[in-house]
C-alpha atoms as a PDB file:
ATOM      1  CA  MET A   1      88.008  73.967  79.663  1.00  0.00           C
ATOM      2  CA  SER A   2      85.454  73.400  82.304  1.00  0.00           C
ATOM      3  CA  ASN A   3      87.756  71.125  84.049  1.00  0.00           C
ATOM      4  CA  THR A   4      90.128  73.745  84.527  1.00  0.00           C
ATOM      5  CA  LEU A   5      87.863  76.690  85.167  1.00  0.00           C
ATOM      6  CA  ARG A   6      85.780  75.256  87.378  1.00  0.00           C
ATOM      7  CA  PRO A   7      87.437  75.500  90.381  1.00  0.00           C
ATOM      8  CA  ILE A   8      88.574  79.024  90.000  1.00  0.00           C
ATOM      9  CA  ALA A   9      84.880  79.402  89.171  1.00  0.00           C
ATOM     10  CA  ASP A  10      83.929  77.872  92.837  1.00  0.00           C
ATOM     11  CA  ALA A  11      86.428  80.287  94.717  1.00  0.00           C
ATOM     12  CA  MET A  12      84.926  83.571  93.329  1.00  0.00           C
ATOM     13  CA  PHE A  13      81.716  82.412  94.308  1.00  0.00           C
ATOM     14  CA  VAL A  14      82.867  81.759  97.892  1.00  0.00           C
ATOM     15  CA  SER A  15      84.052  85.285  97.740  1.00  0.00           C
ATOM     16  CA  ALA A  16      81.298  86.783  95.724  1.00  0.00           C
ATOM     17  CA  ALA A  17      78.881  85.044  98.648  1.00  0.00           C
ATOM     18  CA  GLY A  18      81.382  86.635 101.753  1.00  0.00           C
ATOM     19  CA  VAL A  19      80.945  90.599  99.803  1.00  0.00           C
ATOM     20  CA  LEU A  20      77.200  89.327  99.686  1.00  0.00           C
ATOM     21  CA  GLY A  21      76.855  88.453 103.146  1.00  0.00           C
ATOM     22  CA  THR A  22      78.934  91.527 104.759  1.00  0.00           C
ATOM     23  CA  LEU A  23      76.490  93.969 102.094  1.00  0.00           C
ATOM     24  CA  ALA A  24      73.234  91.904 103.354  1.00  0.00           C
ATOM     25  CA  GLY A  25      74.171  91.320 106.996  1.00  0.00           C
ATOM     26  CA  ARG A  26      73.495  87.893 106.733  1.00  0.00           C
ATOM     27  CA  THR A  27      75.671  84.413 106.359  1.00  0.00           C
ATOM     28  CA  VAL A  28      75.479  84.014 102.501  1.00  0.00           C
ATOM     29  CA  GLN A  29      76.259  80.439 101.220  1.00  0.00           C
ATOM     30  CA  ALA A  30      77.406  79.523  97.687  1.00  0.00           C
ATOM     31  CA  ARG A  31      76.440  76.236  96.297  1.00  0.00           C
ATOM     32  CA  PRO A  32      78.567  74.369  93.943  1.00  0.00           C
ATOM     33  CA  SER A  33      78.548  75.782  90.458  1.00  0.00           C
ATOM     34  CA  LYS A  34      77.750  73.840  87.169  1.00  0.00           C
ATOM     35  CA  PRO A  35      79.040  74.897  83.755  1.00  0.00           C
ATOM     36  CA  LEU A  36      76.256  76.337  81.269  1.00  0.00           C
ATOM     37  CA  ALA A  37      76.265  76.064  77.590  1.00  0.00           C
ATOM     38  CA  THR A  38      78.421  78.450  75.940  1.00  0.00           C
ATOM     39  CA  GLU A  39      76.754  81.429  74.239  1.00  0.00           C
ATOM     40  CA  ALA A  40      77.711  82.697  71.059  1.00  0.00           C
ATOM     41  CA  SER A  41      77.575  86.189  72.725  1.00  0.00           C
ATOM     42  CA  ILE A  42      76.227  88.058  75.486  1.00  0.00           C
ATOM     43  CA  ARG A  43      73.189  90.289  75.247  1.00  0.00           C
ATOM     44  CA  VAL A  44      71.901  92.725  77.706  1.00  0.00           C
ATOM     45  CA  ASP A  45      68.693  91.496  79.396  1.00  0.00           C
ATOM     46  CA  ALA A  46      66.189  94.121  80.912  1.00  0.00           C
ATOM     47  CA  LYS A  47      65.839  91.107  83.675  1.00  0.00           C
ATOM     48  CA  ILE A  48      70.110  90.851  83.841  1.00  0.00           C
ATOM     49  CA  VAL A  49      72.541  93.517  85.668  1.00  0.00           C
ATOM     50  CA  ALA A  50      75.797  92.531  83.728  1.00  0.00           C
ATOM     51  CA  THR A  51      79.248  93.813  84.812  1.00  0.00           C
ATOM     52  CA  ILE A  52      82.786  93.537  83.470  1.00  0.00           C
ATOM     53  CA  THR A  53      85.618  92.845  85.105  1.00  0.00           C
ATOM     54  CA  ARG A  54      88.808  93.493  83.613  1.00  0.00           C
ATOM     55  CA  ILE A  55      92.169  91.927  85.617  1.00  0.00           C
ATOM     56  CA  PRO A  56      95.096  93.704  83.674  1.00  0.00           C
ATOM     57  CA  SER A  57      98.209  92.066  85.335  1.00  0.00           C
ATOM     58  CA  ALA A  58      96.955  88.321  83.751  1.00  0.00           C
ATOM     59  CA  ASP A  59      95.242  89.866  80.648  1.00  0.00           C
ATOM     60  CA  VAL A  60      91.905  88.491  81.604  1.00  0.00           C
ATOM     61  CA  THR A  61      88.013  90.154  81.529  1.00  0.00           C
ATOM     62  CA  PHE A  62      85.170  88.164  82.950  1.00  0.00           C
ATOM     63  CA  VAL A  63      81.239  88.738  82.886  1.00  0.00           C
ATOM     64  CA  SER A  64      79.323  88.770  85.834  1.00  0.00           C
ATOM     65  CA  ARG A  65      75.784  88.523  85.303  1.00  0.00           C
ATOM     66  CA  TYR A  66      73.255  89.164  88.346  1.00  0.00           C
ATOM     67  CA  ASN A  67      69.537  88.610  88.698  1.00  0.00           C
ATOM     68  CA  LYS A  68      68.000  92.078  88.973  1.00  0.00           C
ATOM     69  CA  ARG A  69      64.814  91.178  90.720  1.00  0.00           C
ATOM     70  CA  ASP A  70      66.904  89.503  93.595  1.00  0.00           C
ATOM     71  CA  LEU A  71      69.282  92.490  93.449  1.00  0.00           C
ATOM     72  CA  ALA A  72      66.001  94.225  94.372  1.00  0.00           C
ATOM     73  CA  ARG A  73      65.399  92.442  97.293  1.00  0.00           C
ATOM     74  CA  ILE A  74      69.284  92.490  98.311  1.00  0.00           C
ATOM     75  CA  VAL A  75      68.722  96.094  98.526  1.00  0.00           C
ATOM     76  CA  GLU A  76      66.052  95.980 100.818  1.00  0.00           C
ATOM     77  CA  LEU A  77      67.890  94.193 103.023  1.00  0.00           C
ATOM     78  CA  MET A  78      70.996  96.524 102.792  1.00  0.00           C
ATOM     79  CA  LEU A  79      68.317  99.561 104.265  1.00  0.00           C
ATOM     80  CA  GLY A  80      66.082  97.638 106.021  1.00  0.00           C
ATOM     81  CA  THR A  81      63.149  98.812 104.330  1.00  0.00           C
ATOM     82  CA  PRO A  82      60.332  96.930 102.361  1.00  0.00           C
ATOM     83  CA  SER A  83      59.590  97.411  98.865  1.00  0.00           C
ATOM     84  CA  ASP A  84      56.510  97.931  97.765  1.00  0.00           C
ATOM     85  CA  GLY A  85      57.287  95.959  94.438  1.00  0.00           C
ATOM     86  CA  ALA A  86      58.102  99.241  92.437  1.00  0.00           C
ATOM     87  CA  GLU A  87      60.534 100.049  90.043  1.00  0.00           C
ATOM     88  CA  LEU A  88      63.926 100.531  91.658  1.00  0.00           C
ATOM     89  CA  ASP A  89      64.315 104.536  92.075  1.00  0.00           C
ATOM     90  CA  ALA A  90      67.730 106.055  90.585  1.00  0.00           C
ATOM     91  CA  MET A  91      69.318 105.816  94.362  1.00  0.00           C
ATOM     92  CA  GLN A  92      68.208 102.219  94.593  1.00  0.00           C
ATOM     93  CA  LEU A  93      69.594 102.041  91.069  1.00  0.00           C
ATOM     94  CA  SER A  94      73.114 103.774  92.404  1.00  0.00           C
ATOM     95  CA  ILE A  95      72.838 101.250  94.967  1.00  0.00           C
ATOM     96  CA  VAL A  96      72.595  98.295  92.799  1.00  0.00           C
ATOM     97  CA  ALA A  97      75.391  99.271  90.421  1.00  0.00           C
ATOM     98  CA  GLU A  98      77.532  99.807  93.098  1.00  0.00           C
ATOM     99  CA  THR A  99      76.712  96.676  94.797  1.00  0.00           C
ATOM    100  CA  VAL A 100      77.377  94.430  91.903  1.00  0.00           C
ATOM    101  CA  ALA A 101      80.793  96.221  91.327  1.00  0.00           C
ATOM    102  CA  GLN A 102      82.024  95.395  95.133  1.00  0.00           C
ATOM    103  CA  ILE A 103      81.201  91.959  94.416  1.00  0.00           C
ATOM    104  CA  SER A 104      82.576  91.541  90.858  1.00  0.00           C
ATOM    105  CA  SER A 105      85.990  93.323  92.147  1.00  0.00           C
ATOM    106  CA  ALA A 106      86.299  91.004  95.262  1.00  0.00           C
ATOM    107  CA  MET A 107      85.986  87.813  92.600  1.00  0.00           C
ATOM    108  CA  GLY A 108      88.897  89.696  90.385  1.00  0.00           C
ATOM    109  CA  VAL A 109      90.874  89.977  93.372  1.00  0.00           C
ATOM    110  CA  ALA A 110      90.159  86.557  94.766  1.00  0.00           C
ATOM    111  CA  ILE A 111      91.213  84.629  91.402  1.00  0.00           C
ATOM    112  CA  ALA A 112      94.351  87.106  90.868  1.00  0.00           C
ATOM    113  CA  SER A 113      95.676  86.692  94.079  1.00  0.00           C
ATOM    114  CA  ASP A 114      94.904  82.513  93.816  1.00  0.00           C
ATOM    115  CA  ALA A 115      96.736  82.781  90.276  1.00  0.00           C
ATOM    116  CA  LYS A 116      99.580  85.240  92.127  1.00  0.00           C
ATOM    117  CA  HIS A 117      98.642  87.855  89.801  1.00  0.00           C
ATOM    118  CA  ASP A 118      99.475  91.490  90.849  1.00  0.00           C
ATOM    119  CA  THR A 119      96.017  92.796  92.254  1.00  0.00           C
ATOM    120  CA  ALA A 120      96.121  96.420  91.037  1.00  0.00           C
ATOM    121  CA  GLY A 121      94.135  97.854  88.351  1.00  0.00           C
ATOM    122  CA  ILE A 122      91.027  95.746  89.057  1.00  0.00           C
ATOM    123  CA  GLU A 123      88.205  97.417  87.957  1.00  0.00           C
ATOM    124  CA  SER A 124      84.325  96.496  87.267  1.00  0.00           C
ATOM    125  CA  VAL A 125      81.836  98.239  85.523  1.00  0.00           C
ATOM    126  CA  VAL A 126      78.097  97.987  84.898  1.00  0.00           C
ATOM    127  CA  ALA A 127      77.589  96.902  81.086  1.00  0.00           C
ATOM    128  CA  ALA A 128      75.163  99.740  79.493  1.00  0.00           C
ATOM    129  CA  ASP A 129      74.920  97.745  76.209  1.00  0.00           C
ATOM    130  CA  SER A 130      75.963  94.308  74.115  1.00  0.00           C
ATOM    131  CA  SER A 131      79.125  96.020  72.930  1.00  0.00           C
ATOM    132  CA  ALA A 132      81.146  96.215  75.792  1.00  0.00           C
ATOM    133  CA  PHE A 133      81.361  92.744  76.289  1.00  0.00           C
ATOM    134  CA  PRO A 134      84.105  90.711  74.918  1.00  0.00           C
ATOM    135  CA  ALA A 135      84.263  88.728  71.810  1.00  0.00           C
ATOM    136  CA  PRO A 136      83.098  84.915  71.985  1.00  0.00           C
ATOM    137  CA  PRO A 137      83.924  82.249  72.926  1.00  0.00           C
ATOM    138  CA  PHE A 138      83.211  82.053  76.590  1.00  0.00           C
ATOM    139  CA  ALA A 139      83.539  79.287  79.331  1.00  0.00           C
ATOM    140  CA  THR A 140      80.324  80.018  81.214  1.00  0.00           C
ATOM    141  CA  TYR A 141      79.328  78.702  85.295  1.00  0.00           C
ATOM    142  CA  ALA A 142      76.615  79.517  86.957  1.00  0.00           C
ATOM    143  CA  ALA A 143      75.920  79.052  91.030  1.00  0.00           C
ATOM    144  CA  GLN A 144      73.314  79.944  93.689  1.00  0.00           C
ATOM    145  CA  LEU A 145      73.945  81.988  96.548  1.00  0.00           C
ATOM    146  CA  ASP A 146      72.115  81.010  99.035  1.00  0.00           C
ATOM    147  CA  LEU A 147      71.159  84.123 101.548  1.00  0.00           C
ATOM    148  CA  GLY A 148      68.763  82.080 103.752  1.00  0.00           C
ATOM    149  CA  ASP A 149      64.676  82.391 104.954  1.00  0.00           C
ATOM    150  CA  GLY A 150      64.034  80.272 101.557  1.00  0.00           C
ATOM    151  CA  PHE A 151      65.711  83.263  99.382  1.00  0.00           C
ATOM    152  CA  ALA A 152      68.448  82.222  96.810  1.00  0.00           C
ATOM    153  CA  THR A 153      70.075  84.040  93.765  1.00  0.00           C
ATOM    154  CA  THR A 154      71.808  82.620  90.662  1.00  0.00           C
ATOM    155  CA  LEU A 155      75.104  84.411  89.691  1.00  0.00           C
ATOM    156  CA  THR A 156      76.484  83.646  86.453  1.00  0.00           C
ATOM    157  CA  ILE A 157      80.073  84.022  85.262  1.00  0.00           C
ATOM    158  CA  ASP A 158      81.519  84.165  81.595  1.00  0.00           C
ATOM    159  CA  PHE A 159      85.254  83.890  81.275  1.00  0.00           C
ATOM    160  CA  ASP A 160      87.137  85.212  78.568  1.00  0.00           C
ATOM    161  CA  VAL A 161      88.541  82.838  75.923  1.00  0.00           C
ATOM    162  CA  LEU A 162      92.207  84.077  77.652  1.00  0.00           C
ATOM    163  CA  ALA A 163      90.841  82.860  81.247  1.00  0.00           C
ATOM    164  CA  GLN A 164      92.114  79.405  80.707  1.00  0.00           C
ATOM    165  CA  HIS A 165      95.614  80.034  80.037  1.00  0.00           C
ATOM    166  CA  ARG A 166      96.205  82.932  82.465  1.00  0.00           C
ATOM    167  CA  LEU A 167      94.122  82.001  85.136  1.00  0.00           C
ATOM    168  CA  ALA A 168      94.845  78.189  84.980  1.00  0.00           C
ATOM    169  CA  PRO A 169      97.702  76.853  87.345  1.00  0.00           C
ATOM    170  CA  PRO A 170     100.893  76.314  85.880  1.00  0.00           C
ATOM    171  CA  ALA A 171     102.315  73.042  84.315  1.00  0.00           C
ATOM    172  CA  PRO A 172     104.278  70.708  86.508  1.00  0.00           C
ATOM    173  CA  VAL A 173     108.093  71.352  85.280  1.00  0.00           C
ATOM    174  CA  LYS A 174     110.464  68.393  84.997  1.00  0.00           C
ATOM    175  CA  SER A 175     113.482  68.486  87.107  1.00  0.00           C
ATOM    176  CA  LYS A 176     117.141  68.878  85.207  1.00  0.00           C
ATOM    177  CA  ARG A 177     118.016  65.330  86.385  1.00  0.00           C
ATOM    178  CA  GLY A 178     114.610  63.670  85.193  1.00  0.00           C
ATOM    179  CA  ALA A 179     115.317  65.357  82.090  1.00  0.00           C
ATOM    180  CA  ALA A 180     118.845  63.885  81.701  1.00  0.00           C
ATOM    181  CA  ALA A 181     117.890  60.519  82.270  1.00  0.00           C
ATOM    182  CA  ALA A 182     115.314  60.741  79.686  1.00  0.00           C
ATOM    183  CA  SER A 183     117.688  61.947  76.995  1.00  0.00           C
ATOM    184  CA  ALA A 184     119.579  59.041  75.105  1.00  0.00           C
ATOM    185  CA  ALA A 185     122.501  61.403  74.793  1.00  0.00           C
ATOM    186  CA  PRO A 186     123.300  64.622  76.496  1.00  0.00           C
ATOM    187  CA  ALA A 187     123.451  67.567  74.207  1.00  0.00           C
ATOM    188  CA  PRO A 188     126.759  68.901  73.543  1.00  0.00           C
ATOM    189  CA  GLU A 189     127.485  71.962  75.704  1.00  0.00           C
ATOM    190  CA  PRO A 190     127.804  75.125  73.718  1.00  0.00           C
ATOM    191  CA  ALA A 191     131.107  76.738  73.077  1.00  0.00           C
ATOM    192  CA  ALA A 192     131.545  79.437  75.720  1.00  0.00           C
ATOM    193  CA  ALA A 193     131.730  82.949  74.060  1.00  0.00           C
ATOM    194  CA  PRO A 194     135.372  84.998  74.405  1.00  0.00           C
ATOM    195  CA  ALA A 195     135.318  86.776  77.769  1.00  0.00           C
ATOM    196  CA  PRO A 196     135.323  90.647  76.812  1.00  0.00           C
ATOM    197  CA  ALA A 197     138.512  92.821  77.131  1.00  0.00           C
ATOM    198  CA  ARG A 198     138.433  94.165  80.446  1.00  0.00           C
ATOM    199  CA  ARG A 199     138.627  98.218  80.595  1.00  0.00           C
ATOM    200  CA  ARG A 200     141.061  99.428  82.506  1.00  0.00           C
ATOM    201  CA  ILE A 201     139.159 101.769  85.266  1.00  0.00           C
ATOM    202  CA  GLU A 202     140.941 105.174  85.779  1.00  0.00           C
ATOM    203  CA  GLU A 203     141.163 106.271  89.301  1.00  0.00           C
ATOM    204  CA  GLY A 204     138.414 108.925  90.135  1.00  0.00           C
ATOM    205  CA  GLN A 205     139.567 112.633  90.699  1.00  0.00           C
ATOM    206  CA  PRO A 206     136.971 114.407  93.192  1.00  0.00           C
ATOM    207  CA  VAL A 207     134.975 117.095  91.662  1.00  0.00           C
ATOM    208  CA  THR A 208     136.284 120.928  92.130  1.00  0.00           C
ATOM    209  CA  PHE A 209     133.317 123.800  91.401  1.00  0.00           C
ATOM    210  CA  SER A 210     134.178 127.701  91.210  1.00  0.00           C
ATOM    211  CA  PRO A 211     133.166 129.284  94.714  1.00  0.00           C
ATOM    212  CA  MET A 212     129.763 131.264  94.016  1.00  0.00           C
ATOM    213  CA  GLN A 213     127.191 133.405  95.782  1.00  0.00           C
ATOM    214  CA  PRO A 214     123.653 132.646  95.998  1.00  0.00           C
ATOM    215  CA  THR A 215     121.631 135.791  94.185  1.00  0.00           C
ATOM    216  CA  PRO A 216     120.155 138.198  96.957  1.00  0.00           C
ATOM    217  CA  VAL A 217     116.302 138.302  97.001  1.00  0.00           C
ATOM    218  CA  ARG A 218     114.833 141.497  96.964  1.00  0.00           C
ATOM    219  CA  PRO A 219     111.169 141.732  98.445  1.00  0.00           C
ATOM    220  CA  ALA A 220     108.564 143.749  96.378  1.00  0.00           C
ATOM    221  CA  ALA A 221     107.829 146.958  97.400  1.00  0.00           C
ATOM    222  CA  LEU A 222     104.387 147.366  99.597  1.00  0.00           C
ATOM    223  CA  GLY A 223     101.425 146.897  97.091  1.00  0.00           C
ATOM    224  CA  HIS A 224     104.228 146.081  94.162  1.00  0.00           C
ATOM    225  CA  ALA A 225     104.133 142.387  94.353  1.00  0.00           C
ATOM    226  CA  ASN A 226     103.562 140.913  90.610  1.00  0.00           C
ATOM    227  CA  LEU A 227     100.419 138.910  90.848  1.00  0.00           C
ATOM    228  CA  ASP A 228      99.289 139.652  87.388  1.00  0.00           C
ATOM    229  CA  LEU A 229     100.183 136.119  86.341  1.00  0.00           C
ATOM    230  CA  VAL A 230      97.379 134.882  88.492  1.00  0.00           C
ATOM    231  CA  HIS A 231      95.044 137.396  88.549  1.00  0.00           C
ATOM    232  CA  ASP A 232      92.836 135.881  85.566  1.00  0.00           C
ATOM    233  CA  VAL A 233      92.680 132.040  87.456  1.00  0.00           C
ATOM    234  CA  PRO A 234      89.142 130.986  87.981  1.00  0.00           C
ATOM    235  CA  LEU A 235      87.842 130.509  91.729  1.00  0.00           C
ATOM    236  CA  GLU A 236      85.048 128.723  92.844  1.00  0.00           C
ATOM    237  CA  ILE A 237      83.232 130.072  95.415  1.00  0.00           C
ATOM    238  CA  SER A 238      80.831 128.305  97.854  1.00  0.00           C
ATOM    239  CA  ALA A 239      78.383 129.481 100.101  1.00  0.00           C
ATOM    240  CA  VAL A 240      77.497 127.045 102.854  1.00  0.00           C
ATOM    241  CA  LEU A 241      74.308 127.584 104.700  1.00  0.00           C
ATOM    242  CA  GLY A 242      75.040 124.379 106.875  1.00  0.00           C
ATOM    243  CA  GLN A 243      76.348 120.474 107.000  1.00  0.00           C
ATOM    244  CA  THR A 244      74.894 117.702 108.654  1.00  0.00           C
ATOM    245  CA  GLU A 245      75.119 113.735 108.713  1.00  0.00           C
ATOM    246  CA  LEU A 246      72.545 111.490 107.426  1.00  0.00           C
ATOM    247  CA  SER A 247      72.963 107.706 107.059  1.00  0.00           C
ATOM    248  CA  LEU A 248      71.989 105.799 103.850  1.00  0.00           C
ATOM    249  CA  ARG A 249      68.988 104.644 105.103  1.00  0.00           C
ATOM    250  CA  GLU A 250      67.732 108.045 105.808  1.00  0.00           C
ATOM    251  CA  VAL A 251      68.949 109.426 102.600  1.00  0.00           C
ATOM    252  CA  VAL A 252      66.855 106.773 100.435  1.00  0.00           C
ATOM    253  CA  SER A 253      63.782 107.228 102.296  1.00  0.00           C
ATOM    254  CA  MET A 254      63.627 111.390 101.447  1.00  0.00           C
ATOM    255  CA  GLN A 255      60.562 112.332  99.805  1.00  0.00           C
ATOM    256  CA  THR A 256      59.260 115.670  98.886  1.00  0.00           C
ATOM    257  CA  GLY A 257      58.820 117.769 101.676  1.00  0.00           C
ATOM    258  CA  SER A 258      61.127 116.027 103.881  1.00  0.00           C
ATOM    259  CA  VAL A 259      62.872 118.437 106.359  1.00  0.00           C
ATOM    260  CA  PHE A 260      66.362 117.719 107.994  1.00  0.00           C
ATOM    261  CA  GLU A 261      68.021 119.925 110.331  1.00  0.00           C
ATOM    262  CA  LEU A 262      71.331 121.821 110.188  1.00  0.00           C
ATOM    263  CA  ASP A 263      74.419 122.161 112.205  1.00  0.00           C
ATOM    264  CA  LYS A 264      73.833 126.275 112.479  1.00  0.00           C
ATOM    265  CA  LEU A 265      71.380 128.130 114.108  1.00  0.00           C
ATOM    266  CA  ALA A 266      69.181 130.556 112.053  1.00  0.00           C
ATOM    267  CA  THR A 267      71.062 133.699 113.209  1.00  0.00           C
ATOM    268  CA  GLU A 268      74.574 132.426 112.774  1.00  0.00           C
ATOM    269  CA  PRO A 269      76.428 133.829 109.626  1.00  0.00           C
ATOM    270  CA  ILE A 270      77.164 131.687 106.821  1.00  0.00           C
ATOM    271  CA  ASP A 271      80.302 130.328 105.510  1.00  0.00           C
ATOM    272  CA  LEU A 272      82.106 131.371 102.339  1.00  0.00           C
ATOM    273  CA  TYR A 273      84.723 128.898 100.897  1.00  0.00           C
ATOM    274  CA  VAL A 274      86.872 129.603  97.926  1.00  0.00           C
ATOM    275  CA  ASN A 275      88.631 126.011  96.497  1.00  0.00           C
ATOM    276  CA  LYS A 276      87.212 124.588  99.506  1.00  0.00           C
ATOM    277  CA  ILE A 277      89.081 126.998 102.060  1.00  0.00           C
ATOM    278  CA  LEU A 278      86.968 128.896 104.387  1.00  0.00           C
ATOM    279  CA  ILE A 279      87.875 132.770 103.825  1.00  0.00           C
ATOM    280  CA  ALA A 280      85.343 134.165 104.701  1.00  0.00           C
ATOM    281  CA  ARG A 281      81.671 134.539 106.633  1.00  0.00           C
ATOM    282  CA  GLY A 282      78.615 136.871 106.179  1.00  0.00           C
ATOM    283  CA  GLU A 283      75.068 136.979 105.873  1.00  0.00           C
ATOM    284  CA  VAL A 284      72.181 136.190 103.337  1.00  0.00           C
ATOM    285  CA  VAL A 285      70.855 139.212 101.596  1.00  0.00           C
ATOM    286  CA  VAL A 286      68.764 139.499  98.337  1.00  0.00           C
ATOM    287  CA  VAL A 287      70.005 141.595  95.390  1.00  0.00           C
ATOM    288  CA  ASP A 288      67.724 142.273  92.443  1.00  0.00           C
ATOM    289  CA  ASP A 289      65.764 139.266  93.292  1.00  0.00           C
ATOM    290  CA  LYS A 290      68.835 137.283  93.820  1.00  0.00           C
ATOM    291  CA  PHE A 291      70.444 135.944  96.746  1.00  0.00           C
ATOM    292  CA  ALA A 292      73.564 137.431  97.709  1.00  0.00           C
ATOM    293  CA  VAL A 293      76.059 137.462 100.663  1.00  0.00           C
ATOM    294  CA  LYS A 294      77.226 140.549 102.632  1.00  0.00           C
ATOM    295  CA  ILE A 295      80.942 139.685 104.111  1.00  0.00           C
ATOM    296  CA  SER A 296      81.082 140.231 107.782  1.00  0.00           C
ATOM    297  CA  GLU A 297      84.280 138.337 108.826  1.00  0.00           C
ATOM    298  CA  LEU A 298      87.247 138.008 106.623  1.00  0.00           C
ATOM    299  CA  ASN A 299      90.172 135.224 107.470  1.00  0.00           C
ATOM    300  CA  PRO A 300      87.903 133.848 110.422  1.00  0.00           C
ATOM    301  CA  VAL A 301      88.645 131.929 113.021  1.00  0.00           C
ATOM    302  CA  VAL A 302      87.961 128.090 112.242  1.00  0.00           C
ATOM    303  CA  ASP A 303      85.898 126.909 115.501  1.00  0.00           C
ATOM    304  CA  ARG A 304      84.121 124.139 114.202  1.00  0.00           C
ATOM    305  CA  VAL A 305      85.028 120.754 112.399  1.00  0.00           C
END
């Protein structure tokens, strides 16, 4: 199994290095892979972040295992903010999950393309517990991804039992000429099946329809349109105080007490949206110790993007 899958694993590590280099903003080199002893099962380790990638068109599943401490350092490179060595916070963990999902999905697309399989539907998810992993046996490979400055991280891939058959290059097909030469005597040709009786095709006739007139549409009287069927449909109303754009670096550096500026002046009215459609503007008031909105303009002209 190792001789068959090792070139595939090497190609996957090269693809992972390309994605990681783009995310970290530096050149990443993938060193040659090496097979590891097959584990009876894959366990979730506190020091490891594992993803499960499924390739539906090839019926293949593989597991990618990343070093959690190295991922924290990679997030530092992505954000440009040095860490104090503390545990990853919720925002950084979210970035880690998205990072490993992108790398694992890219590896899935790479091997599916090389094996001439459809790349649609390939997805990678972070494994929460051991029950999500496919059943053994596995073919396991590991390689180091060198990010420079003396920093290298180890990536491990576990192929499921179907990978060898689904992703291996197709066996060479013997030509008909070679097959005939290898045979002592040609096999007798099967008797040709009798041709089915041909049905007589009648000449078609043009289709005719009876003349009809469209039913006239009578508009409802003013104020009497039948809206009863939609009166009880729930609508989501949002009052938007203002909007702004922040970079990912600015968002993850937020702390308690941080202040950021919106795109509206304090004297401007706020926008009212119904199912994300602007329908009115108004001013903020207080009613019974709760915020409320007093409508000052209906169907306003949209004057900003």
